[in-house]
Protein backbone atom coordinates (compact mmCIF):
# COMPACT_ATOMS: atom_id res chain seq x y z
CA MET A 1 0.01 0.01 -0.04
CA LYS A 2 2.89 2.39 0.72
CA LYS A 3 4.38 1.81 -2.71
CA ILE A 4 1.05 2.49 -4.41
CA ALA A 5 0.55 5.55 -2.22
CA ALA A 6 4.03 6.84 -3.21
CA GLU A 7 3.30 6.19 -6.87
CA LEU A 8 0.11 8.24 -6.77
CA GLY A 9 0.94 10.79 -4.18
CA VAL A 10 -1.84 9.82 -1.79
CA SER A 11 -1.81 8.39 1.76
CA ALA A 12 -1.61 4.74 2.49
CA MET A 13 -4.88 4.99 4.37
CA THR A 14 -6.57 6.23 1.24
CA VAL A 15 -5.09 3.27 -0.69
CA SER A 16 -6.40 0.86 2.00
CA ARG A 17 -9.87 2.39 1.85
CA ALA A 18 -10.02 2.24 -1.87
CA LEU A 19 -8.83 -1.34 -2.10
CA ASN A 20 -11.50 -2.34 0.43
CA ASN A 21 -14.12 -0.51 -1.54
CA HIS A 22 -15.06 1.97 1.29
CA ASP A 23 -17.52 4.73 0.42
CA ASN A 24 -15.43 7.58 1.79
CA VAL A 25 -13.06 7.67 -1.19
CA ASP A 26 -13.74 9.62 -4.34
CA GLU A 27 -14.78 7.16 -7.16
CA ASN A 28 -12.21 8.51 -9.65
CA THR A 29 -9.45 8.16 -6.99
CA LYS A 30 -10.66 4.68 -6.15
CA LYS A 31 -10.60 3.60 -9.73
CA THR A 32 -7.09 4.99 -10.26
CA ILE A 33 -5.83 3.23 -7.14
CA VAL A 34 -7.32 -0.11 -8.13
CA GLU A 35 -5.95 0.13 -11.67
CA THR A 36 -2.47 1.05 -10.38
CA ALA A 37 -2.48 -1.89 -7.95
CA LYS A 38 -3.24 -4.21 -10.88
CA LYS A 39 -0.55 -2.70 -13.05
CA MET A 40 2.03 -3.10 -10.17
CA GLY A 41 0.96 -6.78 -9.82
CA TYR A 42 -0.67 -6.54 -6.34
CA THR A 43 -3.65 -8.56 -5.16
CA PRO A 44 -5.38 -8.37 -1.75
CA ASN A 45 -3.93 -10.77 0.89
CA ARG A 46 -7.07 -12.50 2.20
CA VAL A 47 -5.13 -14.34 4.91
CA ALA A 48 -3.76 -11.07 6.30
CA LYS A 49 -7.19 -9.52 5.96
CA SER A 50 -8.84 -12.30 7.86
CA LEU A 51 -6.30 -12.01 10.71
CA VAL A 52 -7.18 -8.34 11.17
CA SER A 53 -10.95 -8.70 10.79
CA SER A 54 -11.44 -12.27 12.25
CA ARG A 55 -13.31 -13.14 9.02
CA THR A 56 -12.25 -15.15 5.99
CA TYR A 57 -14.75 -13.59 3.55
CA THR A 58 -15.72 -17.11 2.40
CA ILE A 59 -19.17 -18.74 2.42
CA GLY A 60 -19.66 -22.50 2.38
CA VAL A 61 -22.50 -24.06 0.33
CA VAL A 62 -23.81 -27.59 0.68
CA ILE A 63 -26.09 -28.86 -2.08
CA PRO A 64 -27.67 -32.33 -2.27
CA GLU A 65 -26.75 -33.06 -5.85
CA ILE A 66 -24.96 -31.34 -8.64
CA SER A 67 -26.22 -32.91 -11.92
CA HIS A 68 -29.66 -31.34 -12.15
CA ALA A 69 -30.18 -27.79 -13.42
CA PHE A 70 -32.21 -26.54 -10.43
CA PHE A 71 -29.25 -26.52 -7.99
CA ALA A 72 -26.88 -25.18 -10.63
CA GLN A 73 -29.25 -22.26 -11.10
CA VAL A 74 -29.63 -21.74 -7.33
CA VAL A 75 -25.79 -21.62 -6.99
CA SER A 76 -25.67 -19.13 -9.83
CA GLY A 77 -28.01 -16.92 -7.84
CA ILE A 78 -25.80 -17.30 -4.75
CA GLU A 79 -22.68 -16.45 -6.66
CA ASN A 80 -24.27 -13.38 -8.14
CA VAL A 81 -24.67 -12.02 -4.58
CA THR A 82 -21.40 -13.13 -3.11
CA TYR A 83 -19.47 -11.64 -6.05
CA GLU A 84 -21.16 -8.31 -5.56
CA LYS A 85 -20.33 -8.45 -1.80
CA ASP A 86 -16.69 -9.63 -2.28
CA TYR A 87 -17.07 -13.11 -0.69
CA GLN A 88 -15.72 -16.33 -2.11
CA LEU A 89 -17.68 -19.59 -2.33
CA LEU A 90 -16.62 -23.04 -1.19
CA LEU A 91 -19.04 -25.46 -2.86
CA THR A 92 -19.65 -29.01 -1.60
CA ASN A 93 -22.04 -31.78 -2.73
CA SER A 94 -23.62 -34.35 -0.33
CA ALA A 95 -24.76 -36.56 -3.28
CA GLU A 96 -28.00 -37.15 -1.38
CA LYS A 97 -26.07 -38.89 1.43
CA PHE A 98 -26.39 -37.84 5.13
CA GLU A 99 -22.90 -38.96 6.05
CA ARG A 100 -21.39 -36.92 3.18
CA GLU A 101 -23.51 -33.94 4.25
CA ASN A 102 -22.00 -34.06 7.75
CA LYS A 103 -18.47 -34.45 6.40
CA ALA A 104 -19.04 -31.41 4.08
CA LEU A 105 -20.24 -29.34 7.08
CA GLU A 106 -17.23 -30.38 9.12
CA THR A 107 -14.91 -29.45 6.27
CA LEU A 108 -16.45 -26.01 5.90
CA LEU A 109 -16.11 -25.38 9.67
CA ALA A 110 -12.50 -26.41 9.48
CA GLN A 111 -11.95 -23.86 6.64
CA GLN A 112 -13.41 -21.24 9.04
CA VAL A 113 -16.02 -20.01 6.54
CA ASP A 114 -17.94 -16.94 7.72
CA GLY A 115 -21.28 -18.64 7.15
CA ILE A 116 -22.94 -21.74 5.56
CA LEU A 117 -25.83 -22.22 3.07
CA VAL A 118 -27.40 -25.69 3.28
CA SER A 119 -29.90 -27.68 1.21
CA CYS A 120 -30.39 -31.04 3.04
CA SER A 121 -29.90 -34.42 1.45
CA GLU A 122 -32.88 -36.78 0.97
CA GLU A 123 -31.41 -39.01 3.77
CA THR A 124 -31.25 -36.26 6.37
CA THR A 125 -33.49 -36.90 9.36
CA ASP A 126 -30.94 -36.21 12.10
CA PHE A 127 -30.41 -32.49 12.55
CA SER A 128 -28.13 -32.62 15.58
CA LEU A 129 -25.00 -31.40 13.84
CA LEU A 130 -26.89 -28.60 12.10
CA LYS A 131 -28.36 -27.62 15.49
CA ARG A 132 -24.91 -27.60 17.13
CA ILE A 133 -23.49 -25.36 14.36
CA ILE A 134 -26.39 -22.93 14.79
CA ASP A 135 -26.05 -22.97 18.66
CA THR A 136 -22.36 -21.97 18.42
CA GLY A 137 -23.38 -18.79 16.64
CA LYS A 138 -22.05 -19.73 13.22
CA PRO A 139 -24.36 -18.01 10.59
CA LEU A 140 -26.33 -20.65 8.66
CA VAL A 141 -29.30 -20.35 6.25
CA PHE A 142 -31.27 -23.21 4.73
CA PHE A 143 -32.52 -23.10 1.11
CA ASP A 144 -35.00 -25.30 -0.79
CA ARG A 145 -34.83 -28.37 1.44
CA CYS A 146 -35.04 -26.67 4.78
CA VAL A 147 -35.18 -27.43 8.52
CA GLU A 148 -37.55 -25.12 10.44
CA GLY A 149 -37.60 -24.44 14.14
CA ILE A 150 -33.96 -24.79 15.03
CA GLY A 151 -32.97 -21.18 14.95
CA ALA A 152 -31.88 -20.55 11.31
CA SER A 153 -33.55 -18.69 8.51
CA THR A 154 -35.02 -20.62 5.47
CA VAL A 155 -35.49 -19.65 1.91
CA SER A 156 -37.76 -21.80 -0.29
CA VAL A 157 -40.95 -21.68 -2.20
CA ASP A 158 -44.47 -22.30 -0.94
CA ASP A 159 -44.30 -26.04 -1.78
CA ARG A 160 -47.68 -26.91 -0.32
CA ASN A 161 -49.45 -24.21 -2.27
CA GLY A 162 -47.61 -25.04 -5.47
CA SER A 163 -48.58 -28.69 -5.22
CA TYR A 164 -52.16 -27.83 -4.23
CA ASN A 165 -52.53 -25.52 -7.22
CA MET A 166 -51.18 -28.17 -9.67
CA THR A 167 -53.56 -30.84 -8.28
CA GLN A 168 -56.50 -28.34 -8.46
CA HIS A 169 -55.59 -27.55 -12.05
CA MET A 170 -55.80 -31.24 -12.95
CA ILE A 171 -59.13 -31.63 -11.06
CA ASP A 172 -60.57 -28.63 -12.82
CA HIS A 173 -59.81 -30.33 -16.12
CA GLY A 174 -61.84 -33.44 -15.24
CA TYR A 175 -59.24 -35.78 -13.72
CA LYS A 176 -60.63 -37.84 -10.77
CA THR A 177 -58.15 -40.63 -10.03
CA PHE A 178 -54.62 -39.75 -9.04
CA ALA A 179 -51.32 -41.39 -8.17
CA TYR A 180 -48.55 -39.44 -6.41
CA LEU A 181 -44.81 -40.06 -6.50
CA SER A 182 -43.60 -38.62 -3.14
CA GLY A 183 -40.26 -37.47 -1.83
CA PRO A 184 -38.70 -38.19 1.54
CA GLN A 185 -40.98 -36.72 4.25
CA ILE A 186 -38.76 -33.78 5.13
CA SER A 187 -39.28 -30.20 3.98
CA THR A 188 -40.16 -30.11 0.32
CA GLY A 189 -41.28 -33.78 0.14
CA LYS A 190 -43.60 -33.41 3.06
CA GLU A 191 -45.13 -30.07 2.05
CA ARG A 192 -45.82 -31.14 -1.58
CA LEU A 193 -47.52 -34.33 -0.54
CA GLU A 194 -49.65 -32.32 1.92
CA GLY A 195 -50.66 -30.00 -0.83
CA PHE A 196 -51.73 -32.93 -3.06
CA ARG A 197 -53.75 -34.52 -0.14
CA ASN A 198 -55.41 -31.28 0.76
CA ALA A 199 -56.58 -30.61 -2.81
CA LEU A 200 -58.13 -34.06 -3.14
CA LYS A 201 -59.88 -33.69 0.31
CA ASP A 202 -61.20 -30.22 -0.52
CA ASN A 203 -62.69 -31.66 -3.75
CA LYS A 204 -64.04 -34.74 -1.91
CA LEU A 205 -62.04 -37.12 -4.10
CA ASP A 206 -60.76 -40.50 -2.89
CA ILE A 207 -57.10 -40.79 -1.83
CA LYS A 208 -55.81 -44.25 -2.81
CA GLU A 209 -52.94 -44.91 -0.49
CA GLU A 210 -51.58 -47.71 -2.69
CA TRP A 211 -51.15 -45.13 -5.42
CA ILE A 212 -48.95 -42.92 -3.25
CA VAL A 213 -45.40 -44.30 -3.57
CA GLU A 214 -42.15 -42.77 -2.40
CA SER A 215 -39.82 -42.17 -5.29
CA GLY A 216 -37.14 -39.88 -3.86
CA PHE A 217 -35.87 -37.01 -5.96
CA GLN A 218 -34.08 -38.87 -8.70
CA GLU A 219 -35.03 -40.40 -12.10
CA LYS A 220 -34.33 -43.96 -11.01
CA GLY A 221 -36.63 -43.60 -8.05
CA GLY A 222 -39.37 -42.17 -10.16
CA TYR A 223 -39.07 -45.11 -12.58
CA GLU A 224 -39.21 -47.71 -9.83
CA ALA A 225 -42.10 -46.03 -8.00
CA MET A 226 -44.17 -45.77 -11.24
CA LYS A 227 -43.49 -49.48 -12.01
CA LYS A 228 -44.89 -50.41 -8.63
CA ILE A 229 -48.13 -48.56 -9.34
CA LEU A 230 -48.39 -49.98 -12.90
CA GLU A 231 -47.88 -53.53 -11.59
CA LEU A 232 -50.59 -53.34 -8.94
CA PRO A 233 -53.36 -55.99 -9.40
CA GLY A 234 -56.57 -54.90 -11.06
CA ASP A 235 -57.42 -53.28 -14.30
CA LYS A 236 -57.69 -49.69 -13.14
CA MET A 237 -54.89 -47.31 -13.49
CA PRO A 238 -54.72 -43.76 -12.12
CA ARG A 239 -55.77 -41.34 -14.85
CA ALA A 240 -53.13 -38.80 -13.73
CA VAL A 241 -49.74 -38.93 -11.90
CA LEU A 242 -48.30 -36.06 -9.99
CA ALA A 243 -44.55 -36.31 -9.13
CA VAL A 244 -42.63 -34.54 -6.29
CA ASN A 245 -40.19 -33.08 -8.82
CA ASP A 246 -39.29 -33.15 -12.51
CA PRO A 247 -36.48 -35.83 -12.30
CA ALA A 248 -38.96 -38.22 -10.61
CA ALA A 249 -41.54 -37.43 -13.31
CA ILE A 250 -38.93 -38.07 -16.09
CA GLY A 251 -38.21 -41.50 -14.57
CA ALA A 252 -41.92 -42.21 -14.34
CA ILE A 253 -42.44 -41.29 -17.99
CA GLU A 254 -39.93 -44.01 -18.98
CA ALA A 255 -41.94 -46.60 -17.01
CA ILE A 256 -45.23 -45.53 -18.42
CA GLU A 257 -44.00 -45.87 -21.98
CA GLU A 258 -42.36 -49.20 -21.30
CA PHE A 259 -45.78 -50.52 -20.23
CA GLY A 260 -47.24 -49.36 -23.49
CA TYR A 261 -49.28 -46.43 -22.22
CA SER A 262 -49.54 -43.04 -23.98
CA ILE A 263 -49.00 -39.73 -22.38
CA PRO A 264 -51.31 -37.91 -21.89
CA ASP A 265 -54.02 -39.93 -23.59
CA ASP A 266 -53.79 -42.95 -21.18
CA ILE A 267 -52.02 -41.42 -18.22
CA ALA A 268 -51.33 -37.72 -17.67
CA ILE A 269 -48.30 -36.62 -15.64
CA THR A 270 -46.88 -33.50 -14.02
CA GLY A 271 -43.73 -32.56 -12.23
CA PHE A 272 -42.35 -29.80 -9.98
CA SER A 273 -39.38 -27.44 -10.48
CA ASP A 274 -39.34 -26.74 -14.29
CA ASP A 275 -36.18 -28.66 -15.01
CA ILE A 276 -34.42 -27.44 -18.17
CA ARG A 277 -35.33 -30.87 -19.74
CA ALA A 278 -39.02 -30.55 -19.09
CA ARG A 279 -39.74 -28.60 -22.26
CA LEU A 280 -37.51 -30.82 -24.40
CA LEU A 281 -39.23 -34.17 -23.75
CA LYS A 282 -41.10 -35.90 -26.54
CA CYS A 283 -44.22 -34.91 -24.69
CA PRO A 284 -43.17 -31.70 -22.86
CA LEU A 285 -43.77 -31.87 -19.13
CA THR A 286 -46.37 -29.75 -17.27
CA THR A 287 -44.67 -28.62 -14.05
CA VAL A 288 -44.51 -26.00 -11.25
CA TYR A 289 -41.97 -23.34 -11.87
CA GLN A 290 -39.57 -22.51 -9.00
CA PRO A 291 -37.61 -19.25 -9.18
CA SER A 292 -34.30 -21.08 -8.59
CA VAL A 293 -31.93 -18.10 -9.16
CA SER A 294 -34.03 -15.92 -6.88
CA ILE A 295 -33.95 -18.62 -4.14
CA GLY A 296 -30.15 -18.48 -4.38
CA ARG A 297 -30.03 -14.74 -4.24
CA LYS A 298 -32.40 -14.39 -1.28
CA ALA A 299 -30.50 -17.15 0.64
CA ALA A 300 -27.10 -15.50 0.09
CA GLU A 301 -28.47 -12.03 0.97
CA LYS A 302 -29.97 -13.32 4.12
CA LEU A 303 -26.72 -15.11 5.11
CA ILE A 304 -24.59 -12.06 4.53
CA LYS A 305 -26.96 -9.98 6.71
CA VAL A 306 -26.55 -12.53 9.52
CA ILE A 307 -22.74 -12.50 9.10
CA GLU A 308 -22.56 -8.74 9.25
CA ASN A 309 -25.22 -8.26 11.93
CA LYS A 310 -25.45 -10.85 14.70
CA ASP A 311 -28.75 -9.45 15.78
CA GLU A 312 -30.36 -10.13 12.41
CA PRO A 313 -33.59 -12.18 13.14
CA ALA A 314 -34.23 -15.59 11.75
CA GLU A 315 -37.14 -15.75 9.28
CA ASN A 316 -38.86 -18.13 6.89
CA ILE A 317 -38.89 -16.68 3.34
CA ASP A 318 -41.23 -18.33 0.88
CA LEU A 319 -41.17 -17.27 -2.83
CA LEU A 320 -44.12 -17.72 -5.23
CA THR A 321 -44.50 -20.56 -7.65
CA ASP A 322 -46.36 -20.68 -10.99
CA LEU A 323 -47.90 -23.40 -13.14
CA VAL A 324 -46.23 -24.16 -16.52
CA ILE A 325 -48.80 -25.92 -18.64
CA ARG A 326 -47.43 -28.12 -21.40
CA GLN A 327 -48.68 -31.28 -23.22
CA SER A 328 -48.07 -34.01 -20.60
CA CYS A 329 -51.20 -33.05 -18.53
CA GLY A 330 -53.53 -33.09 -21.56
CA CYS A 331 -55.02 -29.81 -20.45
CA ASN A 332 -53.87 -27.65 -23.30
CA LYS A 333 -56.05 -29.39 -25.87
């Protein structure tokens, strides 16, 4: 900083303020200092900065899987905010495994991240480590697959209402017999199943428990769950199938076609999340749109508020969903 200050004829304090993007430096001066620092080959020393401030300016992220577009888009929203706020991301993937999720959390703690963003794996039912992290005062915010009531903020969509609206849409178009491919009964899986059940109850339609099969959140699970329904004894099949998310619906479509049924003429199907593949299927998939990038942005914004203000209150933030009507539900004819 002294060399940059001597080069430009300003104080070292002004250089420090400019490089740390403080507001009390003239914008033209700040720009000149930053450009000079780059020309002279200097970059900020984050280790030294963290020793002074007791912060590492890093945020840890735990996602349950990396192959589907939804979480990639959420991470994009997170990164947009952290870049603006000059934080770096450490991204980890639990691969839908509880043990890997815990190891990822321990690794992020060892790296002394300033805060953690978490979307739980489909195996996670023990929240004790998450609760211990929150109780130590480490800033933590859940997104999408959330744990409520343990002292941390959550950012998701109104899953129950989104599922209810999709079920009501199908009922309004004359469907009366439904199967449901459900997720694990935590957070999103639980809320979406509740929305489905509530819509059938409100319309006084039968809920056939044998047609509610847990699929998980992946294509393979959707395929296996749909096969179980199609192999049930009796000659009656559900006229419509609602899946907990698009990957499960895509797996179910494969099973339906293997059994020789036509979509939507024999069996209509819908998903949830608006996966990038949904519109590209042979019979494009009707689904519930989730604002994935906005979920990431809101989660990152909330976490940074908690990092920078320990008195920031915990809150549950629900974003709105919308129905995306395509051919697979048969309602656009």
